[in-house]
Amino acid sequence: MNTTLSIFKYTCRGVDGLLKEAVVTAVSANEWDGQKGTCLAPLDVHHTADGFAVGQILEGAGSPVMKDGKLVGVDASGKAVFNFASSTLAALSGRPSNSPPNPLVLVDSS
């Protein structure tokens, strides 16, 4: 078995619901077996002008998105939970979150 470990840092913005306009900063450690990736240690922080939430991915899998022979993102899906949330995001605290397949474009691949 030939596996690779990668760490992705990324930032994105929420588009609807309680997280609309929230800035999300995340880091994810992943194990790759060929083209199949598994999340090992992901964590994300969501913040708005009036709220803050911390999420943890419980399970996730993905595959690379390539363009012109270069990695530009990861098509991933999974299940997460918000371990902490406060102020305007308090309703998220303890709630699970299921993610449909969604490409994550790498902002910083260093």
Protein backbone atom coordinates (compact mmCIF):
# COMPACT_ATOMS: atom_id res chain seq x y z
CA MET A 1 0.00 0.00 0.00
CA ASN A 2 1.39 3.40 -1.03
CA THR A 3 -0.18 6.16 1.08
CA THR A 4 0.55 9.86 1.33
CA LEU A 5 -0.22 12.34 4.10
CA SER A 6 -1.23 15.89 3.18
CA ILE A 7 -2.27 18.95 5.14
CA PHE A 8 -4.59 21.52 3.57
CA LYS A 9 -5.16 25.04 4.91
CA TYR A 10 -8.11 26.89 3.44
CA THR A 11 -10.45 29.82 3.92
CA CYS A 12 -13.92 30.24 2.48
CA ARG A 13 -17.16 32.12 3.11
CA GLY A 14 -20.59 30.73 4.06
CA VAL A 15 -23.34 31.22 1.48
CA ASP A 16 -26.62 30.55 3.30
CA GLY A 17 -28.37 29.84 6.60
CA LEU A 18 -26.81 30.82 9.93
CA LEU A 19 -23.36 30.72 8.32
CA LYS A 20 -24.22 33.18 5.52
CA GLU A 21 -21.25 35.55 5.17
CA ALA A 22 -19.34 33.71 7.92
CA VAL A 23 -15.62 33.42 7.29
CA VAL A 24 -14.44 29.83 7.64
CA THR A 25 -10.78 29.08 8.35
CA ALA A 26 -9.83 25.41 8.39
CA VAL A 27 -7.02 22.90 8.39
CA SER A 28 -7.35 19.26 7.40
CA ALA A 29 -4.86 16.41 7.61
CA ASN A 30 -5.64 13.72 5.04
CA GLU A 31 -4.38 10.27 4.11
CA TRP A 32 -4.33 9.41 0.40
CA ASP A 33 -4.33 5.93 -1.07
CA GLY A 34 -3.89 6.72 -4.73
CA GLN A 35 -6.85 8.93 -5.72
CA LYS A 36 -8.90 8.18 -2.58
CA GLY A 37 -8.52 10.53 0.39
CA THR A 38 -9.68 10.15 3.99
CA CYS A 39 -9.85 13.01 6.54
CA LEU A 40 -7.80 12.21 9.64
CA ALA A 41 -7.71 15.41 11.70
CA PRO A 42 -9.85 18.26 10.35
CA LEU A 43 -10.91 21.37 12.28
CA ASP A 44 -12.75 24.50 11.16
CA VAL A 45 -13.48 27.84 12.78
CA HIS A 46 -16.49 29.90 11.62
CA HIS A 47 -16.82 33.55 12.57
CA THR A 48 -19.22 36.38 11.83
CA ALA A 49 -19.30 39.92 13.18
CA ASP A 50 -21.51 38.67 16.05
CA GLY A 51 -20.78 34.95 16.40
CA PHE A 52 -18.19 32.19 16.60
CA ALA A 53 -18.35 28.41 16.06
CA VAL A 54 -15.86 25.53 15.99
CA GLY A 55 -16.58 22.46 13.90
CA GLN A 56 -14.94 19.06 13.62
CA ILE A 57 -15.33 16.65 10.72
CA LEU A 58 -16.24 13.20 12.07
CA GLU A 59 -15.83 11.35 8.80
CA GLY A 60 -14.98 12.44 5.32
CA ALA A 61 -13.64 11.26 2.00
CA GLY A 62 -12.63 12.91 -1.21
CA SER A 63 -10.78 12.80 -4.47
CA PRO A 64 -8.44 15.32 -6.10
CA VAL A 65 -9.60 17.90 -8.67
CA MET A 66 -6.91 18.46 -11.28
CA LYS A 67 -6.56 21.18 -13.90
CA ASP A 68 -3.73 21.24 -16.42
CA GLY A 69 -1.95 18.54 -14.43
CA LYS A 70 -2.06 20.53 -11.17
CA LEU A 71 -4.09 19.98 -8.02
CA VAL A 72 -6.65 22.80 -7.72
CA GLY A 73 -9.01 21.35 -5.13
CA VAL A 74 -10.59 18.36 -3.49
CA ASP A 75 -14.09 17.05 -4.23
CA ALA A 76 -15.13 16.00 -0.73
CA SER A 77 -18.11 15.11 1.42
CA GLY A 78 -18.55 14.10 5.03
CA LYS A 79 -20.23 14.49 8.39
CA ALA A 80 -19.31 17.11 10.99
CA VAL A 81 -20.43 18.44 14.35
CA PHE A 82 -20.21 21.92 15.84
CA ASN A 83 -18.45 21.38 19.18
CA PHE A 84 -18.84 25.00 20.27
CA ALA A 85 -20.88 27.98 19.10
CA SER A 86 -21.72 31.34 20.66
CA SER A 87 -23.75 34.50 20.18
CA THR A 88 -25.60 34.58 16.82
CA LEU A 89 -24.23 31.11 15.94
CA ALA A 90 -25.20 29.53 19.31
CA ALA A 91 -27.97 27.48 17.65
CA LEU A 92 -25.24 25.43 15.90
CA SER A 93 -23.71 24.16 19.17
CA GLY A 94 -23.83 20.35 19.30
CA ARG A 95 -25.59 20.12 15.94
CA PRO A 96 -24.44 17.69 13.28
CA SER A 97 -23.76 18.91 9.77
CA ASN A 98 -23.82 16.72 6.66
CA SER A 99 -21.90 17.98 3.68
CA PRO A 100 -22.91 17.09 0.11
CA PRO A 101 -20.09 16.63 -2.43
CA ASN A 102 -18.42 20.01 -2.71
CA PRO A 103 -15.10 20.97 -4.31
CA LEU A 104 -12.81 22.81 -1.92
CA VAL A 105 -10.55 25.08 -3.95
CA LEU A 106 -7.13 25.36 -2.37
CA VAL A 107 -6.29 28.92 -1.42
CA ASP A 108 -2.91 28.10 0.12
CA SER A 109 -1.37 24.76 -0.77
CA SER A 110 1.92 25.36 1.07
